[in-house]
């Protein structure tokens, strides 16, 4: 029975991988509103053997999806204290900053559903394929969107709309959980960091829309500590984000200090 269950999952992942490699998606032709259209990333691969190794070799996203699926199965019918839903900013907490991660997870059950490089459409696909099913979450933390806004042609309004859709999906899948929504983190050490500065401006606009959305939905807990991630210039020091986008241990500790008092 157990073997049949995993073979079924393998076939699903394999089918998505084949479709992605052929330039297709599991949902047909691309649509205009890409941010809100669920999409897998089964074709994503890496030459880094330490990044989510598994049966799919270099295809790390497929490996991570399978590993997260197995983790969800381990908690089936159980209560989970904290679920992190997002991109590499969550993914790398566990992977790159184990000291801070150990402090976060001590005494609580945590499922990390962060995937490096993910956008809103990828989170929607993962939710549709079971990552919030089968267990009871006390708290779900959502932060996503910075990878969408990295693209120069992205409309922050579409990103905010997609995040609102994700929030609705979380509420439907985990109605008893406290949904904690963060604004997208600041990025870039200065205005001279052109790639980050342009994305930062789009993030800021997205955050304005998300703040208004959260204010209109009291069932959502809005936690904004972005001011603690920047210095007097308004930009992020490298002690907080060494690569200008992912927190260091110090940055994750700031996040943890802001988050933990609000958890159920």
C-alpha atoms as a PDB file:
ATOM      1  CA  UNK A   1       0.000   0.000   0.000  1.00  0.00           C
ATOM      2  CA  UNK A   2       2.799   2.385   0.946  1.00  0.00           C
ATOM      3  CA  UNK A   3       4.667   1.572  -2.275  1.00  0.00           C
ATOM      4  CA  UNK A   4       1.558   2.299  -4.394  1.00  0.00           C
ATOM      5  CA  UNK A   5       1.118   5.651  -2.641  1.00  0.00           C
ATOM      6  CA  UNK A   6       4.668   6.797  -3.418  1.00  0.00           C
ATOM      7  CA  UNK A   7       4.512   5.455  -6.966  1.00  0.00           C
ATOM      8  CA  UNK A   8       1.412   7.570  -7.552  1.00  0.00           C
ATOM      9  CA  UNK A   9       3.251  10.674  -6.299  1.00  0.00           C
ATOM     10  CA  UNK A  10       6.245   9.781  -8.456  1.00  0.00           C
ATOM     11  CA  UNK A  11       4.027   9.588 -11.548  1.00  0.00           C
ATOM     12  CA  UNK A  12       2.474  12.986 -10.799  1.00  0.00           C
ATOM     13  CA  UNK A  13       5.884  14.599 -10.408  1.00  0.00           C
ATOM     14  CA  UNK A  14       7.255  12.823 -13.471  1.00  0.00           C
ATOM     15  CA  UNK A  15       4.331  14.029 -15.593  1.00  0.00           C
ATOM     16  CA  UNK A  16       4.828  17.613 -14.444  1.00  0.00           C
ATOM     17  CA  UNK A  17       8.566  17.372 -15.130  1.00  0.00           C
ATOM     18  CA  UNK A  18       7.994  16.131 -18.676  1.00  0.00           C
ATOM     19  CA  UNK A  19       5.460  18.886 -19.331  1.00  0.00           C
ATOM     20  CA  UNK A  20       7.789  21.582 -17.999  1.00  0.00           C
ATOM     21  CA  UNK A  21      10.760  20.357 -20.028  1.00  0.00           C
ATOM     22  CA  UNK A  22       8.599  20.449 -23.155  1.00  0.00           C
ATOM     23  CA  UNK A  23       7.800  24.094 -22.427  1.00  0.00           C
ATOM     24  CA  UNK A  24       4.266  23.432 -21.225  1.00  0.00           C
ATOM     25  CA  UNK A  25       2.545  23.835 -17.869  1.00  0.00           C
ATOM     26  CA  UNK A  26       0.166  21.574 -16.013  1.00  0.00           C
ATOM     27  CA  UNK A  27      -2.547  24.113 -16.734  1.00  0.00           C
ATOM     28  CA  UNK A  28      -2.170  24.629 -20.473  1.00  0.00           C
ATOM     29  CA  UNK A  29      -1.023  27.728 -22.320  1.00  0.00           C
ATOM     30  CA  UNK A  30       0.304  30.696 -20.345  1.00  0.00           C
ATOM     31  CA  UNK A  31      -2.265  33.299 -19.377  1.00  0.00           C
ATOM     32  CA  UNK A  32      -1.925  37.062 -19.065  1.00  0.00           C
ATOM     33  CA  UNK A  33      -2.357  37.081 -15.311  1.00  0.00           C
ATOM     34  CA  UNK A  34       0.641  34.829 -14.729  1.00  0.00           C
ATOM     35  CA  UNK A  35       1.065  35.816 -11.079  1.00  0.00           C
ATOM     36  CA  UNK A  36      -2.296  34.252 -10.188  1.00  0.00           C
ATOM     37  CA  UNK A  37      -2.055  31.246 -12.522  1.00  0.00           C
ATOM     38  CA  UNK A  38      -0.750  28.114 -10.731  1.00  0.00           C
ATOM     39  CA  UNK A  39       2.490  26.832 -12.240  1.00  0.00           C
ATOM     40  CA  UNK A  40       5.031  24.157 -11.326  1.00  0.00           C
ATOM     41  CA  UNK A  41       8.808  24.487 -11.740  1.00  0.00           C
ATOM     42  CA  UNK A  42       9.667  20.852 -12.322  1.00  0.00           C
ATOM     43  CA  UNK A  43      12.226  21.892 -14.938  1.00  0.00           C
ATOM     44  CA  UNK A  44      14.290  23.888 -12.420  1.00  0.00           C
ATOM     45  CA  UNK A  45      17.699  22.302 -11.951  1.00  0.00           C
ATOM     46  CA  UNK A  46      21.021  23.123 -10.325  1.00  0.00           C
ATOM     47  CA  UNK A  47      24.625  22.003 -10.402  1.00  0.00           C
ATOM     48  CA  UNK A  48      24.846  22.322  -6.603  1.00  0.00           C
ATOM     49  CA  UNK A  49      24.669  18.749  -5.223  1.00  0.00           C
ATOM     50  CA  UNK A  50      23.926  20.046  -1.711  1.00  0.00           C
ATOM     51  CA  UNK A  51      20.687  21.713  -2.756  1.00  0.00           C
ATOM     52  CA  UNK A  52      17.758  19.396  -2.088  1.00  0.00           C
ATOM     53  CA  UNK A  53      19.333  16.155  -3.333  1.00  0.00           C
ATOM     54  CA  UNK A  54      16.962  13.373  -4.276  1.00  0.00           C
ATOM     55  CA  UNK A  55      15.798  10.906  -6.885  1.00  0.00           C
ATOM     56  CA  UNK A  56      15.434  13.581  -9.577  1.00  0.00           C
ATOM     57  CA  UNK A  57      19.142  14.428  -9.583  1.00  0.00           C
ATOM     58  CA  UNK A  58      19.804  18.024 -10.662  1.00  0.00           C
ATOM     59  CA  UNK A  59      16.081  18.817 -10.713  1.00  0.00           C
ATOM     60  CA  UNK A  60      16.090  20.250  -7.214  1.00  0.00           C
ATOM     61  CA  UNK A  61      12.559  21.728  -7.298  1.00  0.00           C
ATOM     62  CA  UNK A  62      11.090  18.302  -8.020  1.00  0.00           C
ATOM     63  CA  UNK A  63      13.243  16.867  -5.233  1.00  0.00           C
ATOM     64  CA  UNK A  64      12.055  19.522  -2.818  1.00  0.00           C
ATOM     65  CA  UNK A  65       8.428  19.044  -3.764  1.00  0.00           C
ATOM     66  CA  UNK A  66       8.737  15.319  -3.076  1.00  0.00           C
ATOM     67  CA  UNK A  67      10.548  15.919   0.228  1.00  0.00           C
ATOM     68  CA  UNK A  68       7.896  18.434   1.344  1.00  0.00           C
ATOM     69  CA  UNK A  69       5.186  15.974   0.334  1.00  0.00           C
ATOM     70  CA  UNK A  70       6.792  13.294   2.473  1.00  0.00           C
ATOM     71  CA  UNK A  71       7.104  15.739   5.378  1.00  0.00           C
ATOM     72  CA  UNK A  72       3.417  16.583   5.111  1.00  0.00           C
ATOM     73  CA  UNK A  73       2.612  12.860   5.147  1.00  0.00           C
ATOM     74  CA  UNK A  74       4.641  12.450   8.343  1.00  0.00           C
ATOM     75  CA  UNK A  75       2.343  14.984  10.007  1.00  0.00           C
ATOM     76  CA  UNK A  76      -0.919  13.663   8.609  1.00  0.00           C
ATOM     77  CA  UNK A  77      -3.609  13.828  11.277  1.00  0.00           C
ATOM     78  CA  UNK A  78      -1.329  15.806  13.595  1.00  0.00           C
ATOM     79  CA  UNK A  79      -1.053  19.416  14.726  1.00  0.00           C
ATOM     80  CA  UNK A  80       1.784  21.573  13.404  1.00  0.00           C
ATOM     81  CA  UNK A  81       2.793  24.688  15.320  1.00  0.00           C
ATOM     82  CA  UNK A  82       4.152  26.709  12.429  1.00  0.00           C
ATOM     83  CA  UNK A  83       4.091  26.506   8.635  1.00  0.00           C
ATOM     84  CA  UNK A  84       6.319  28.809   6.571  1.00  0.00           C
ATOM     85  CA  UNK A  85       5.007  29.410   3.063  1.00  0.00           C
ATOM     86  CA  UNK A  86       7.122  31.295   0.560  1.00  0.00           C
ATOM     87  CA  UNK A  87      10.378  31.432  -1.380  1.00  0.00           C
ATOM     88  CA  UNK A  88      14.123  31.170  -0.731  1.00  0.00           C
ATOM     89  CA  UNK A  89      13.936  33.663   2.122  1.00  0.00           C
ATOM     90  CA  UNK A  90      12.168  30.902   4.057  1.00  0.00           C
ATOM     91  CA  UNK A  91      13.908  27.976   2.351  1.00  0.00           C
ATOM     92  CA  UNK A  92      17.381  29.258   3.244  1.00  0.00           C
ATOM     93  CA  UNK A  93      16.538  29.817   6.910  1.00  0.00           C
ATOM     94  CA  UNK A  94      16.688  26.076   7.382  1.00  0.00           C
ATOM     95  CA  UNK A  95      19.426  25.421   4.827  1.00  0.00           C
ATOM     96  CA  UNK A  96      21.948  28.233   5.352  1.00  0.00           C
ATOM     97  CA  UNK A  97      21.350  29.408   8.915  1.00  0.00           C
ATOM     98  CA  UNK A  98      20.997  26.265  11.071  1.00  0.00           C
ATOM     99  CA  UNK A  99      21.798  28.074  14.336  1.00  0.00           C
ATOM    100  CA  UNK A 100      18.906  30.485  13.947  1.00  0.00           C
ATOM    101  CA  UNK A 101      16.703  27.688  12.606  1.00  0.00           C
ATOM    102  CA  UNK A 102      17.385  25.585  15.670  1.00  0.00           C
ATOM    103  CA  UNK A 103      16.219  28.445  17.890  1.00  0.00           C
ATOM    104  CA  UNK A 104      13.034  28.823  15.847  1.00  0.00           C
ATOM    105  CA  UNK A 105      12.156  25.129  15.919  1.00  0.00           C
ATOM    106  CA  UNK A 106      13.103  24.386  19.505  1.00  0.00           C
ATOM    107  CA  UNK A 107       9.993  23.196  21.301  1.00  0.00           C
ATOM    108  CA  UNK A 108       7.717  23.548  18.279  1.00  0.00           C
ATOM    109  CA  UNK A 109       6.849  21.626  15.117  1.00  0.00           C
ATOM    110  CA  UNK A 110       7.690  23.564  11.956  1.00  0.00           C
ATOM    111  CA  UNK A 111       7.094  22.737   8.285  1.00  0.00           C
ATOM    112  CA  UNK A 112       9.187  24.867   5.950  1.00  0.00           C
ATOM    113  CA  UNK A 113       7.416  25.268   2.611  1.00  0.00           C
ATOM    114  CA  UNK A 114       9.855  27.820   1.232  1.00  0.00           C
ATOM    115  CA  UNK A 115      11.353  27.099  -2.210  1.00  0.00           C
ATOM    116  CA  UNK A 116      14.236  29.061  -3.668  1.00  0.00           C
ATOM    117  CA  UNK A 117      13.167  31.222  -6.615  1.00  0.00           C
ATOM    118  CA  UNK A 118       9.447  30.625  -6.170  1.00  0.00           C
ATOM    119  CA  UNK A 119       6.887  33.158  -7.278  1.00  0.00           C
ATOM    120  CA  UNK A 120       3.240  33.525  -6.367  1.00  0.00           C
ATOM    121  CA  UNK A 121       2.150  31.170  -9.152  1.00  0.00           C
ATOM    122  CA  UNK A 122       4.404  28.411  -7.820  1.00  0.00           C
ATOM    123  CA  UNK A 123       2.989  28.715  -4.310  1.00  0.00           C
ATOM    124  CA  UNK A 124      -0.532  28.483  -5.721  1.00  0.00           C
ATOM    125  CA  UNK A 125       0.417  25.283  -7.545  1.00  0.00           C
ATOM    126  CA  UNK A 126       1.924  23.760  -4.424  1.00  0.00           C
ATOM    127  CA  UNK A 127      -1.151  24.542  -2.356  1.00  0.00           C
ATOM    128  CA  UNK A 128      -3.318  22.950  -5.054  1.00  0.00           C
ATOM    129  CA  UNK A 129      -1.126  19.852  -4.859  1.00  0.00           C
ATOM    130  CA  UNK A 130      -1.444  19.126  -1.179  1.00  0.00           C
ATOM    131  CA  UNK A 131       1.136  21.057   0.825  1.00  0.00           C
ATOM    132  CA  UNK A 132      -1.494  22.368   3.244  1.00  0.00           C
ATOM    133  CA  UNK A 133      -3.569  19.176   3.369  1.00  0.00           C
ATOM    134  CA  UNK A 134      -3.932  16.451   5.967  1.00  0.00           C
ATOM    135  CA  UNK A 135      -2.717  18.225   9.103  1.00  0.00           C
ATOM    136  CA  UNK A 136      -3.856  21.046  11.373  1.00  0.00           C
ATOM    137  CA  UNK A 137      -1.668  24.147  11.445  1.00  0.00           C
ATOM    138  CA  UNK A 138      -1.783  26.560  14.355  1.00  0.00           C
ATOM    139  CA  UNK A 139       0.012  29.292  12.403  1.00  0.00           C
ATOM    140  CA  UNK A 140       0.751  29.801   8.712  1.00  0.00           C
ATOM    141  CA  UNK A 141       3.259  32.513   7.835  1.00  0.00           C
ATOM    142  CA  UNK A 142       3.054  33.852   4.292  1.00  0.00           C
ATOM    143  CA  UNK A 143       5.619  35.997   2.521  1.00  0.00           C
ATOM    144  CA  UNK A 144       6.054  35.815  -1.247  1.00  0.00           C
ATOM    145  CA  UNK A 145       6.485  38.145  -4.205  1.00  0.00           C
ATOM    146  CA  UNK A 146      10.059  39.404  -4.343  1.00  0.00           C
ATOM    147  CA  UNK A 147      10.895  37.041  -7.224  1.00  0.00           C
ATOM    148  CA  UNK A 148       7.862  38.239  -9.169  1.00  0.00           C
ATOM    149  CA  UNK A 149       8.990  41.818  -8.694  1.00  0.00           C
ATOM    150  CA  UNK A 150      12.516  41.067  -9.878  1.00  0.00           C
ATOM    151  CA  UNK A 151      11.155  41.218 -13.425  1.00  0.00           C
ATOM    152  CA  UNK A 152      11.033  44.733 -14.855  1.00  0.00           C
ATOM    153  CA  UNK A 153       7.705  44.112 -16.580  1.00  0.00           C
ATOM    154  CA  UNK A 154       5.877  42.978 -13.436  1.00  0.00           C
ATOM    155  CA  UNK A 155       2.910  44.985 -12.193  1.00  0.00           C
ATOM    156  CA  UNK A 156       2.938  45.154  -8.362  1.00  0.00           C
ATOM    157  CA  UNK A 157      -0.864  45.259  -8.408  1.00  0.00           C
ATOM    158  CA  UNK A 158      -0.925  41.814 -10.025  1.00  0.00           C
ATOM    159  CA  UNK A 159       1.522  40.491  -7.425  1.00  0.00           C
ATOM    160  CA  UNK A 160      -0.632  41.820  -4.590  1.00  0.00           C
ATOM    161  CA  UNK A 161      -3.727  40.305  -6.204  1.00  0.00           C
ATOM    162  CA  UNK A 162      -1.981  36.927  -6.391  1.00  0.00           C
ATOM    163  CA  UNK A 163      -0.930  37.122  -2.734  1.00  0.00           C
ATOM    164  CA  UNK A 164      -4.513  37.884  -1.793  1.00  0.00           C
ATOM    165  CA  UNK A 165      -5.528  34.754  -3.719  1.00  0.00           C
ATOM    166  CA  UNK A 166      -2.914  32.710  -1.841  1.00  0.00           C
ATOM    167  CA  UNK A 167      -4.250  34.072   1.454  1.00  0.00           C
ATOM    168  CA  UNK A 168      -7.743  32.929   0.493  1.00  0.00           C
ATOM    169  CA  UNK A 169      -6.420  29.464  -0.378  1.00  0.00           C
ATOM    170  CA  UNK A 170      -4.621  29.229   2.967  1.00  0.00           C
ATOM    171  CA  UNK A 171      -7.796  30.189   4.786  1.00  0.00           C
ATOM    172  CA  UNK A 172      -9.747  27.540   2.863  1.00  0.00           C
ATOM    173  CA  UNK A 173      -7.187  24.795   3.499  1.00  0.00           C
ATOM    174  CA  UNK A 174      -6.385  25.717   7.112  1.00  0.00           C
ATOM    175  CA  UNK A 175      -9.442  27.572   8.470  1.00  0.00           C
ATOM    176  CA  UNK A 176      -8.373  27.182  12.096  1.00  0.00           C
ATOM    177  CA  UNK A 177      -4.881  28.546  11.602  1.00  0.00           C
ATOM    178  CA  UNK A 178      -3.731  32.039  12.337  1.00  0.00           C
ATOM    179  CA  UNK A 179      -2.649  33.432   8.964  1.00  0.00           C
ATOM    180  CA  UNK A 180       0.301  35.766   9.449  1.00  0.00           C
ATOM    181  CA  UNK A 181       1.073  37.942   6.442  1.00  0.00           C
ATOM    182  CA  UNK A 182       4.397  39.747   6.150  1.00  0.00           C
ATOM    183  CA  UNK A 183       5.188  42.509   3.706  1.00  0.00           C
ATOM    184  CA  UNK A 184       7.907  41.564   1.246  1.00  0.00           C
ATOM    185  CA  UNK A 185      11.288  42.193   2.857  1.00  0.00           C
ATOM    186  CA  UNK A 186      13.441  45.132   1.764  1.00  0.00           C
ATOM    187  CA  UNK A 187      16.424  44.309  -0.458  1.00  0.00           C
ATOM    188  CA  UNK A 188      19.571  46.018  -1.705  1.00  0.00           C
ATOM    189  CA  UNK A 189      22.370  47.795   0.156  1.00  0.00           C
ATOM    190  CA  UNK A 190      21.898  51.113  -1.665  1.00  0.00           C
ATOM    191  CA  UNK A 191      20.172  52.832  -4.563  1.00  0.00           C
ATOM    192  CA  UNK A 192      23.262  51.968  -6.617  1.00  0.00           C
ATOM    193  CA  UNK A 193      22.294  48.285  -6.465  1.00  0.00           C
ATOM    194  CA  UNK A 194      20.264  48.744  -9.632  1.00  0.00           C
ATOM    195  CA  UNK A 195      18.744  45.267  -9.864  1.00  0.00           C
ATOM    196  CA  UNK A 196      17.685  45.299  -6.230  1.00  0.00           C
ATOM    197  CA  UNK A 197      16.658  48.954  -6.156  1.00  0.00           C
ATOM    198  CA  UNK A 198      14.197  48.547  -9.022  1.00  0.00           C
ATOM    199  CA  UNK A 199      12.722  45.403  -7.462  1.00  0.00           C
ATOM    200  CA  UNK A 200      12.616  47.149  -4.088  1.00  0.00           C
ATOM    201  CA  UNK A 201      10.436  49.890  -5.551  1.00  0.00           C
ATOM    202  CA  UNK A 202       7.998  47.294  -6.890  1.00  0.00           C
ATOM    203  CA  UNK A 203       8.074  45.462  -3.563  1.00  0.00           C
ATOM    204  CA  UNK A 204       7.255  48.687  -1.733  1.00  0.00           C
ATOM    205  CA  UNK A 205       4.228  49.288  -3.956  1.00  0.00           C
ATOM    206  CA  UNK A 206       3.078  45.688  -3.478  1.00  0.00           C
ATOM    207  CA  UNK A 207       3.437  46.122   0.278  1.00  0.00           C
ATOM    208  CA  UNK A 208       1.248  49.226   0.262  1.00  0.00           C
ATOM    209  CA  UNK A 209      -1.519  47.218  -1.376  1.00  0.00           C
ATOM    210  CA  UNK A 210      -1.026  44.265   0.970  1.00  0.00           C
ATOM    211  CA  UNK A 211      -1.202  46.499   4.033  1.00  0.00           C
ATOM    212  CA  UNK A 212      -4.555  47.853   2.873  1.00  0.00           C
ATOM    213  CA  UNK A 213      -5.752  44.313   2.149  1.00  0.00           C
ATOM    214  CA  UNK A 214      -4.774  43.109   5.628  1.00  0.00           C
ATOM    215  CA  UNK A 215      -6.447  46.120   7.247  1.00  0.00           C
ATOM    216  CA  UNK A 216      -9.698  45.168   5.510  1.00  0.00           C
ATOM    217  CA  UNK A 217      -9.432  41.546   6.688  1.00  0.00           C
ATOM    218  CA  UNK A 218      -9.129  41.355  10.489  1.00  0.00           C
ATOM    219  CA  UNK A 219      -8.840  37.555  10.291  1.00  0.00           C
ATOM    220  CA  UNK A 220      -5.329  38.114   8.891  1.00  0.00           C
ATOM    221  CA  UNK A 221      -2.476  39.038  11.234  1.00  0.00           C
ATOM    222  CA  UNK A 222      -0.231  41.669   9.623  1.00  0.00           C
ATOM    223  CA  UNK A 223       3.305  41.719  11.040  1.00  0.00           C
ATOM    224  CA  UNK A 224       5.598  44.355   9.568  1.00  0.00           C
ATOM    225  CA  UNK A 225       9.128  44.708  10.912  1.00  0.00           C
ATOM    226  CA  UNK A 226      10.804  45.907   7.724  1.00  0.00           C
ATOM    227  CA  UNK A 227      12.067  48.979   9.556  1.00  0.00           C
ATOM    228  CA  UNK A 228      14.247  46.684  11.656  1.00  0.00           C
ATOM    229  CA  UNK A 229      15.879  45.205   8.547  1.00  0.00           C
ATOM    230  CA  UNK A 230      17.276  48.528   7.296  1.00  0.00           C
ATOM    231  CA  UNK A 231      19.712  51.127   8.611  1.00  0.00           C
ATOM    232  CA  UNK A 232      19.451  54.925   8.768  1.00  0.00           C
ATOM    233  CA  UNK A 233      19.798  55.139   4.967  1.00  0.00           C
ATOM    234  CA  UNK A 234      16.705  53.002   4.489  1.00  0.00           C
ATOM    235  CA  UNK A 235      18.746  50.235   2.864  1.00  0.00           C
ATOM    236  CA  UNK A 236      19.765  46.816   4.146  1.00  0.00           C
ATOM    237  CA  UNK A 237      23.211  46.467   5.744  1.00  0.00           C
ATOM    238  CA  UNK A 238      25.218  43.409   4.779  1.00  0.00           C
ATOM    239  CA  UNK A 239      25.212  42.267   8.397  1.00  0.00           C
ATOM    240  CA  UNK A 240      21.473  41.690   7.926  1.00  0.00           C
ATOM    241  CA  UNK A 241      21.559  40.472   4.296  1.00  0.00           C
ATOM    242  CA  UNK A 242      25.032  39.603   3.074  1.00  0.00           C
ATOM    243  CA  UNK A 243      23.837  38.990  -0.503  1.00  0.00           C
ATOM    244  CA  UNK A 244      21.368  41.923  -0.400  1.00  0.00           C
ATOM    245  CA  UNK A 245      18.251  39.724  -0.370  1.00  0.00           C
ATOM    246  CA  UNK A 246      18.564  36.716   2.000  1.00  0.00           C
ATOM    247  CA  UNK A 247      18.890  37.280   5.752  1.00  0.00           C
ATOM    248  CA  UNK A 248      21.965  36.282   7.692  1.00  0.00           C
ATOM    249  CA  UNK A 249      21.612  34.636  11.110  1.00  0.00           C
ATOM    250  CA  UNK A 250      21.262  38.148  12.520  1.00  0.00           C
ATOM    251  CA  UNK A 251      18.499  38.931  10.033  1.00  0.00           C
ATOM    252  CA  UNK A 252      16.640  35.717  10.772  1.00  0.00           C
ATOM    253  CA  UNK A 253      16.909  36.419  14.491  1.00  0.00           C
ATOM    254  CA  UNK A 254      15.238  39.808  13.920  1.00  0.00           C
ATOM    255  CA  UNK A 255      12.455  37.989  12.101  1.00  0.00           C
ATOM    256  CA  UNK A 256      12.121  35.423  14.868  1.00  0.00           C
ATOM    257  CA  UNK A 257      11.932  38.077  17.575  1.00  0.00           C
ATOM    258  CA  UNK A 258       9.113  39.817  15.711  1.00  0.00           C
ATOM    259  CA  UNK A 259       7.233  36.605  14.922  1.00  0.00           C
ATOM    260  CA  UNK A 260       7.309  34.437  18.018  1.00  0.00           C
ATOM    261  CA  UNK A 261       5.290  36.683  20.377  1.00  0.00           C
ATOM    262  CA  UNK A 262       2.352  36.545  17.958  1.00  0.00           C
ATOM    263  CA  UNK A 263       2.193  32.772  17.503  1.00  0.00           C
ATOM    264  CA  UNK A 264      -0.761  30.785  18.828  1.00  0.00           C
END
